[in-house]
Each structure stands twice: as C-alpha cells, then as structure tokens.
Amino acid sequence: MKQLGFYFDQTRCTGCFTCSVACKDWYDIDAGEENWMRVIAIEKGEFPNLFMAYLAMACNHCVDPSCVKVCPSNAITKRETDGIVVIDQEKCIGKKECGAKCLKACSWDAPQFGSNENAKMRKCNLCVERIDQGKQTICVEACPMYALDVDNMEILQNKYGSIVQAEGFLYNDKIKPSIVFNPKLYK
C-alpha cells in the first residue's frame, strides 16, 4: 500500500497563512476556530537573539492513527489505496455524544469541531477529491514559498530526506505520522 503524506520545509515558511486560508476557502469553512491547516508560530530566545519559525500543521494521516481506534461509531477510516484518513459524516455521532475522543487521541489536535453543540468531526482529508483526480492538494498549490508538498511517502523521503522532527513537532513512533521535514533549527 502506498502512503500519502506531507513534506514541510520549515526554512521556507514565512507564516503567511496562505495554506490555511486556501483550505478554509476551498472547503467553505466558517471563520473561527475550525481550521484544518493551522500555522503555528514558534518563538525562542530574546531580542536581539530571537529565533522565529513556523509550523504548518494538518492531519498527518498516520500509518497507525489513534483517532481510528477510539472512534465509537467507526466513522474514521484509513483508505487502503493511499493511507488517507477520512471521516464518514453519516456515521459520526458528534462531539457531545462521543466526548470528542478522536481529538483527545490525536497528538496534534487535527480533528476539528464546529461551534454547534453536537458538531461532527471534520479535518484535513488531504483534498481527497483532488487527489482522486490526479491533482495536488489546495494547500500545496497555494503556498507561495513552496514550503509544502504532498506525495507518496517513499517519493517524499527520496526527494527531501527522512527527517521526522522539527521545531514544534515531536514525532510519535507509535502512530507514525506521514510527514517529513526540512527543519529550521534553534541554535
């Protein structure tokens, strides 16, 4: 089975949020906290020795996703063809009914819930409809700094290397997030 995943070049990201805005616009996500692609600012040190980096975070479509295991309604599945973790909105019973178990199980807070009382979980689906058409994800297509890529993990590792940690991101060997980095290192 091939496993699709992300490449993120932390040295190129300027924190412009274009990836995040493109995702929200493409999927018509309301303004507010629900955000499938988040950009996190990482600051260390003090002026004049200040370190600044950004981390673009979405669902990592883990090899062994904990969210799939804890979902009480089996609404979260992993596609066998490409490893994309998807949600069946018809099966999802909502955050009030299940207690947002998927969010609690995810190391990176990828599962997102709208503001209504029993909102159903939504998250990055790796633009599955675009992938199925042979297109690139909207976040990758929109990034003006070319800091993102999505492809088969084997291809990404051959192209960019196999570094799995970066400032603000700790790799979890139990669930194996599908992401590789060019990290910006704090010195």
C-alpha atoms as a PDB file:
ATOM      1  CA  MET A   1       0.000   0.000   0.000  1.00  0.00           C
ATOM      2  CA  LYS A   2       1.287   3.437  -0.793  1.00  0.00           C
ATOM      3  CA  GLN A   3       1.067   6.020   1.974  1.00  0.00           C
ATOM      4  CA  LEU A   4       0.485   9.641   1.043  1.00  0.00           C
ATOM      5  CA  GLY A   5       1.847  12.300   3.338  1.00  0.00           C
ATOM      6  CA  PHE A   6       3.244  15.802   3.742  1.00  0.00           C
ATOM      7  CA  TYR A   7       6.625  17.411   3.306  1.00  0.00           C
ATOM      8  CA  PHE A   8       7.091  20.708   5.136  1.00  0.00           C
ATOM      9  CA  ASP A   9      10.105  22.964   4.650  1.00  0.00           C
ATOM     10  CA  GLN A  10      10.286  24.980   7.846  1.00  0.00           C
ATOM     11  CA  THR A  11      13.117  27.103   6.425  1.00  0.00           C
ATOM     12  CA  ARG A  12      10.886  28.415   3.619  1.00  0.00           C
ATOM     13  CA  CYS A  13       7.654  29.080   5.548  1.00  0.00           C
ATOM     14  CA  THR A  14       7.128  32.765   6.372  1.00  0.00           C
ATOM     15  CA  GLY A  15       3.901  32.311   8.329  1.00  0.00           C
ATOM     16  CA  CYS A  16       1.772  33.970   5.642  1.00  0.00           C
ATOM     17  CA  PHE A  17      -1.191  31.619   6.321  1.00  0.00           C
ATOM     18  CA  THR A  18      -1.914  31.221   2.585  1.00  0.00           C
ATOM     19  CA  CYS A  19      -2.142  27.424   3.004  1.00  0.00           C
ATOM     20  CA  SER A  20      -4.636  27.830   5.834  1.00  0.00           C
ATOM     21  CA  VAL A  21      -6.751  30.435   4.038  1.00  0.00           C
ATOM     22  CA  ALA A  22      -6.773  28.372   0.829  1.00  0.00           C
ATOM     23  CA  CYS A  23      -8.007  25.323   2.764  1.00  0.00           C
ATOM     24  CA  LYS A  24     -10.744  27.274   4.562  1.00  0.00           C
ATOM     25  CA  ASP A  25     -11.838  28.849   1.277  1.00  0.00           C
ATOM     26  CA  TRP A  26     -11.766  25.591  -0.720  1.00  0.00           C
ATOM     27  CA  TYR A  27     -13.859  23.740   1.860  1.00  0.00           C
ATOM     28  CA  ASP A  28     -16.041  26.737   2.763  1.00  0.00           C
ATOM     29  CA  ILE A  29     -15.094  26.537   6.454  1.00  0.00           C
ATOM     30  CA  ASP A  30     -16.622  29.346   8.501  1.00  0.00           C
ATOM     31  CA  ALA A  31     -14.418  31.964  10.117  1.00  0.00           C
ATOM     32  CA  GLY A  32     -13.461  30.910  13.615  1.00  0.00           C
ATOM     33  CA  GLU A  33     -11.524  28.218  15.384  1.00  0.00           C
ATOM     34  CA  GLU A  34     -12.181  25.311  12.996  1.00  0.00           C
ATOM     35  CA  ASN A  35      -9.026  25.186  10.930  1.00  0.00           C
ATOM     36  CA  TRP A  36      -7.834  22.086   9.073  1.00  0.00           C
ATOM     37  CA  MET A  37      -4.438  23.579   8.236  1.00  0.00           C
ATOM     38  CA  ARG A  38      -3.002  25.565  11.109  1.00  0.00           C
ATOM     39  CA  VAL A  39       0.132  27.692  11.075  1.00  0.00           C
ATOM     40  CA  ILE A  40       1.831  27.868  14.454  1.00  0.00           C
ATOM     41  CA  ALA A  41       4.446  30.500  15.315  1.00  0.00           C
ATOM     42  CA  ILE A  42       7.412  29.278  17.335  1.00  0.00           C
ATOM     43  CA  GLU A  43       9.462  31.917  19.153  1.00  0.00           C
ATOM     44  CA  LYS A  44      12.554  31.276  21.244  1.00  0.00           C
ATOM     45  CA  GLY A  45      15.174  33.475  22.816  1.00  0.00           C
ATOM     46  CA  GLU A  46      15.082  37.195  23.492  1.00  0.00           C
ATOM     47  CA  PHE A  47      15.907  40.219  21.391  1.00  0.00           C
ATOM     48  CA  PRO A  48      18.408  40.603  19.822  1.00  0.00           C
ATOM     49  CA  ASN A  49      18.924  36.815  19.827  1.00  0.00           C
ATOM     50  CA  LEU A  50      15.417  35.885  18.739  1.00  0.00           C
ATOM     51  CA  PHE A  51      14.569  32.680  16.876  1.00  0.00           C
ATOM     52  CA  MET A  52      11.377  32.530  14.845  1.00  0.00           C
ATOM     53  CA  ALA A  53       9.972  29.578  12.924  1.00  0.00           C
ATOM     54  CA  TYR A  54       6.577  28.419  11.735  1.00  0.00           C
ATOM     55  CA  LEU A  55       4.944  25.027  11.645  1.00  0.00           C
ATOM     56  CA  ALA A  56       2.131  24.234   9.213  1.00  0.00           C
ATOM     57  CA  MET A  57       0.010  21.530  10.826  1.00  0.00           C
ATOM     58  CA  ALA A  58      -2.823  19.447   9.423  1.00  0.00           C
ATOM     59  CA  CYS A  59      -3.872  15.840   9.880  1.00  0.00           C
ATOM     60  CA  ASN A  60      -0.743  13.737   9.410  1.00  0.00           C
ATOM     61  CA  HIS A  61      -2.640  10.725   8.001  1.00  0.00           C
ATOM     62  CA  CYS A  62      -0.711   8.492  10.375  1.00  0.00           C
ATOM     63  CA  VAL A  63       0.316   4.969   9.449  1.00  0.00           C
ATOM     64  CA  ASP A  64      -1.431   3.696  12.611  1.00  0.00           C
ATOM     65  CA  PRO A  65      -3.879   6.513  13.505  1.00  0.00           C
ATOM     66  CA  SER A  66      -5.118   6.608  17.097  1.00  0.00           C
ATOM     67  CA  CYS A  67      -8.266   8.511  16.059  1.00  0.00           C
ATOM     68  CA  VAL A  68      -9.457   5.488  14.049  1.00  0.00           C
ATOM     69  CA  LYS A  69      -9.067   3.209  17.068  1.00  0.00           C
ATOM     70  CA  VAL A  70     -11.031   5.376  19.511  1.00  0.00           C
ATOM     71  CA  CYS A  71     -13.976   6.393  17.308  1.00  0.00           C
ATOM     72  CA  PRO A  72     -17.053   4.735  18.888  1.00  0.00           C
ATOM     73  CA  SER A  73     -19.074   4.829  15.652  1.00  0.00           C
ATOM     74  CA  ASN A  74     -16.320   3.685  13.258  1.00  0.00           C
ATOM     75  CA  ALA A  75     -16.747   6.937  11.342  1.00  0.00           C
ATOM     76  CA  ILE A  76     -12.995   7.387  10.860  1.00  0.00           C
ATOM     77  CA  THR A  77     -11.241   5.038   8.451  1.00  0.00           C
ATOM     78  CA  LYS A  78      -7.952   4.797   6.602  1.00  0.00           C
ATOM     79  CA  ARG A  79      -8.151   4.274   2.849  1.00  0.00           C
ATOM     80  CA  GLU A  80      -6.249   1.165   1.796  1.00  0.00           C
ATOM     81  CA  THR A  81      -5.221   2.597  -1.573  1.00  0.00           C
ATOM     82  CA  ASP A  82      -3.299   5.625  -0.297  1.00  0.00           C
ATOM     83  CA  GLY A  83      -3.452   5.770   3.515  1.00  0.00           C
ATOM     84  CA  ILE A  84      -5.619   8.896   3.660  1.00  0.00           C
ATOM     85  CA  VAL A  85      -7.607   9.070   6.920  1.00  0.00           C
ATOM     86  CA  VAL A  86     -11.212  10.040   6.128  1.00  0.00           C
ATOM     87  CA  ILE A  87     -14.433  10.681   8.063  1.00  0.00           C
ATOM     88  CA  ASP A  88     -17.869   9.365   7.184  1.00  0.00           C
ATOM     89  CA  GLN A  89     -20.096  12.271   8.253  1.00  0.00           C
ATOM     90  CA  GLU A  90     -23.153   9.993   8.231  1.00  0.00           C
ATOM     91  CA  LYS A  91     -21.578   7.723  10.867  1.00  0.00           C
ATOM     92  CA  CYS A  92     -20.067  10.450  13.075  1.00  0.00           C
ATOM     93  CA  ILE A  93     -22.255  10.904  16.169  1.00  0.00           C
ATOM     94  CA  GLY A  94     -20.813  14.316  17.117  1.00  0.00           C
ATOM     95  CA  LYS A  95     -18.636  15.710  19.891  1.00  0.00           C
ATOM     96  CA  LYS A  96     -21.348  15.804  22.558  1.00  0.00           C
ATOM     97  CA  GLU A  97     -22.290  12.162  22.024  1.00  0.00           C
ATOM     98  CA  CYS A  98     -18.773  10.731  21.971  1.00  0.00           C
ATOM     99  CA  GLY A  99     -16.869  13.280  24.053  1.00  0.00           C
ATOM    100  CA  ALA A 100     -14.522  14.190  21.177  1.00  0.00           C
ATOM    101  CA  LYS A 101     -12.483  11.016  21.692  1.00  0.00           C
ATOM    102  CA  CYS A 102     -10.719  11.449  18.358  1.00  0.00           C
ATOM    103  CA  LEU A 103      -9.455  14.911  19.344  1.00  0.00           C
ATOM    104  CA  LYS A 104      -8.201  13.628  22.699  1.00  0.00           C
ATOM    105  CA  ALA A 105      -6.389  10.741  20.968  1.00  0.00           C
ATOM    106  CA  CYS A 106      -4.617  12.913  18.384  1.00  0.00           C
ATOM    107  CA  SER A 107      -1.179  14.232  19.347  1.00  0.00           C
ATOM    108  CA  TRP A 108      -1.583  17.223  17.017  1.00  0.00           C
ATOM    109  CA  ASP A 109      -5.232  18.293  17.522  1.00  0.00           C
ATOM    110  CA  ALA A 110      -6.094  17.530  13.889  1.00  0.00           C
ATOM    111  CA  PRO A 111      -9.764  16.626  14.490  1.00  0.00           C
ATOM    112  CA  GLN A 112     -11.806  19.827  14.392  1.00  0.00           C
ATOM    113  CA  PHE A 113     -15.353  20.564  15.507  1.00  0.00           C
ATOM    114  CA  GLY A 114     -17.609  23.431  14.536  1.00  0.00           C
ATOM    115  CA  SER A 115     -19.231  25.650  17.145  1.00  0.00           C
ATOM    116  CA  ASN A 116     -22.643  23.982  17.362  1.00  0.00           C
ATOM    117  CA  GLU A 117     -23.359  21.847  20.413  1.00  0.00           C
ATOM    118  CA  ASN A 118     -23.022  18.417  18.810  1.00  0.00           C
ATOM    119  CA  ALA A 119     -20.823  19.297  15.837  1.00  0.00           C
ATOM    120  CA  LYS A 120     -19.452  16.412  13.820  1.00  0.00           C
ATOM    121  CA  MET A 121     -15.726  15.984  13.430  1.00  0.00           C
ATOM    122  CA  ARG A 122     -14.046  17.337  10.334  1.00  0.00           C
ATOM    123  CA  LYS A 123     -10.359  17.546   9.471  1.00  0.00           C
ATOM    124  CA  CYS A 124      -7.874  17.647   6.644  1.00  0.00           C
ATOM    125  CA  ASN A 125      -8.799  14.915   4.189  1.00  0.00           C
ATOM    126  CA  LEU A 126      -5.692  15.581   2.085  1.00  0.00           C
ATOM    127  CA  CYS A 127      -8.022  17.050  -0.563  1.00  0.00           C
ATOM    128  CA  VAL A 128      -9.108  13.504  -1.352  1.00  0.00           C
ATOM    129  CA  GLU A 129     -11.353  14.617  -4.211  1.00  0.00           C
ATOM    130  CA  ARG A 130      -8.429  16.454  -5.834  1.00  0.00           C
ATOM    131  CA  ILE A 131      -6.020  13.542  -5.201  1.00  0.00           C
ATOM    132  CA  ASP A 132      -8.528  11.156  -6.819  1.00  0.00           C
ATOM    133  CA  GLN A 133      -8.499  13.430  -9.898  1.00  0.00           C
ATOM    134  CA  GLY A 134      -4.686  13.402 -10.028  1.00  0.00           C
ATOM    135  CA  LYS A 135      -4.415  16.986  -8.753  1.00  0.00           C
ATOM    136  CA  GLN A 136      -2.299  18.401  -5.926  1.00  0.00           C
ATOM    137  CA  THR A 137      -3.795  19.467  -2.593  1.00  0.00           C
ATOM    138  CA  ILE A 138      -5.037  23.046  -2.342  1.00  0.00           C
ATOM    139  CA  CYS A 139      -2.544  23.968   0.422  1.00  0.00           C
ATOM    140  CA  VAL A 140       0.421  22.845  -1.677  1.00  0.00           C
ATOM    141  CA  GLU A 141      -0.929  24.559  -4.777  1.00  0.00           C
ATOM    142  CA  ALA A 142      -1.466  27.822  -2.870  1.00  0.00           C
ATOM    143  CA  CYS A 143       1.837  28.058  -0.960  1.00  0.00           C
ATOM    144  CA  PRO A 144       3.807  30.956  -2.490  1.00  0.00           C
ATOM    145  CA  MET A 145       7.028  29.856  -0.757  1.00  0.00           C
ATOM    146  CA  TYR A 146       6.919  26.222  -1.967  1.00  0.00           C
ATOM    147  CA  ALA A 147       7.197  25.077   1.645  1.00  0.00           C
ATOM    148  CA  LEU A 148       4.688  22.219   1.261  1.00  0.00           C
ATOM    149  CA  ASP A 149       4.443  19.086  -0.840  1.00  0.00           C
ATOM    150  CA  VAL A 150       2.149  16.052  -0.781  1.00  0.00           C
ATOM    151  CA  ASP A 151       3.047  12.732  -2.382  1.00  0.00           C
ATOM    152  CA  ASN A 152       3.729   9.096  -1.647  1.00  0.00           C
ATOM    153  CA  MET A 153       5.938   8.996   1.462  1.00  0.00           C
ATOM    154  CA  GLU A 154       8.563   6.929  -0.326  1.00  0.00           C
ATOM    155  CA  ILE A 155       8.850   9.600  -3.030  1.00  0.00           C
ATOM    156  CA  LEU A 156       8.946  12.418  -0.448  1.00  0.00           C
ATOM    157  CA  GLN A 157      11.706  10.669   1.519  1.00  0.00           C
ATOM    158  CA  ASN A 158      13.764  10.072  -1.631  1.00  0.00           C
ATOM    159  CA  LYS A 159      13.293  13.687  -2.728  1.00  0.00           C
ATOM    160  CA  TYR A 160      13.661  15.510   0.614  1.00  0.00           C
ATOM    161  CA  GLY A 161      15.177  13.069   3.111  1.00  0.00           C
ATOM    162  CA  SER A 162      13.637  11.352   6.099  1.00  0.00           C
ATOM    163  CA  ILE A 163      13.797  13.889   8.948  1.00  0.00           C
ATOM    164  CA  VAL A 164      10.627  13.429  11.005  1.00  0.00           C
ATOM    165  CA  GLN A 165      11.082  16.118  13.679  1.00  0.00           C
ATOM    166  CA  ALA A 166      11.148  19.896  13.523  1.00  0.00           C
ATOM    167  CA  GLU A 167      10.802  22.861  15.881  1.00  0.00           C
ATOM    168  CA  GLY A 168       7.360  22.493  17.479  1.00  0.00           C
ATOM    169  CA  PHE A 169       6.795  18.931  16.235  1.00  0.00           C
ATOM    170  CA  LEU A 170       7.692  15.750  18.074  1.00  0.00           C
ATOM    171  CA  TYR A 171       7.460  12.515  16.112  1.00  0.00           C
ATOM    172  CA  ASN A 172       5.315   9.774  17.666  1.00  0.00           C
ATOM    173  CA  ASP A 173       6.746   6.368  16.734  1.00  0.00           C
ATOM    174  CA  LYS A 174       3.595   4.520  17.876  1.00  0.00           C
ATOM    175  CA  ILE A 175       1.290   6.076  15.290  1.00  0.00           C
ATOM    176  CA  LYS A 176       3.896   7.155  12.697  1.00  0.00           C
ATOM    177  CA  PRO A 177       2.675  10.469  11.268  1.00  0.00           C
ATOM    178  CA  SER A 178       3.126  10.660   7.498  1.00  0.00           C
ATOM    179  CA  ILE A 179       5.314  13.752   7.309  1.00  0.00           C
ATOM    180  CA  VAL A 180       8.944  14.655   6.628  1.00  0.00           C
ATOM    181  CA  PHE A 181      10.656  17.981   7.259  1.00  0.00           C
ATOM    182  CA  ASN A 182      13.407  20.321   6.336  1.00  0.00           C
ATOM    183  CA  PRO A 183      13.607  21.760   9.863  1.00  0.00           C
ATOM    184  CA  LYS A 184      14.688  25.233  10.891  1.00  0.00           C
ATOM    185  CA  LEU A 185      16.879  24.567  13.899  1.00  0.00           C
ATOM    186  CA  TYR A 186      17.201  26.729  17.001  1.00  0.00           C
ATOM    187  CA  LYS A 187      20.868  27.366  17.739  1.00  0.00           C
END
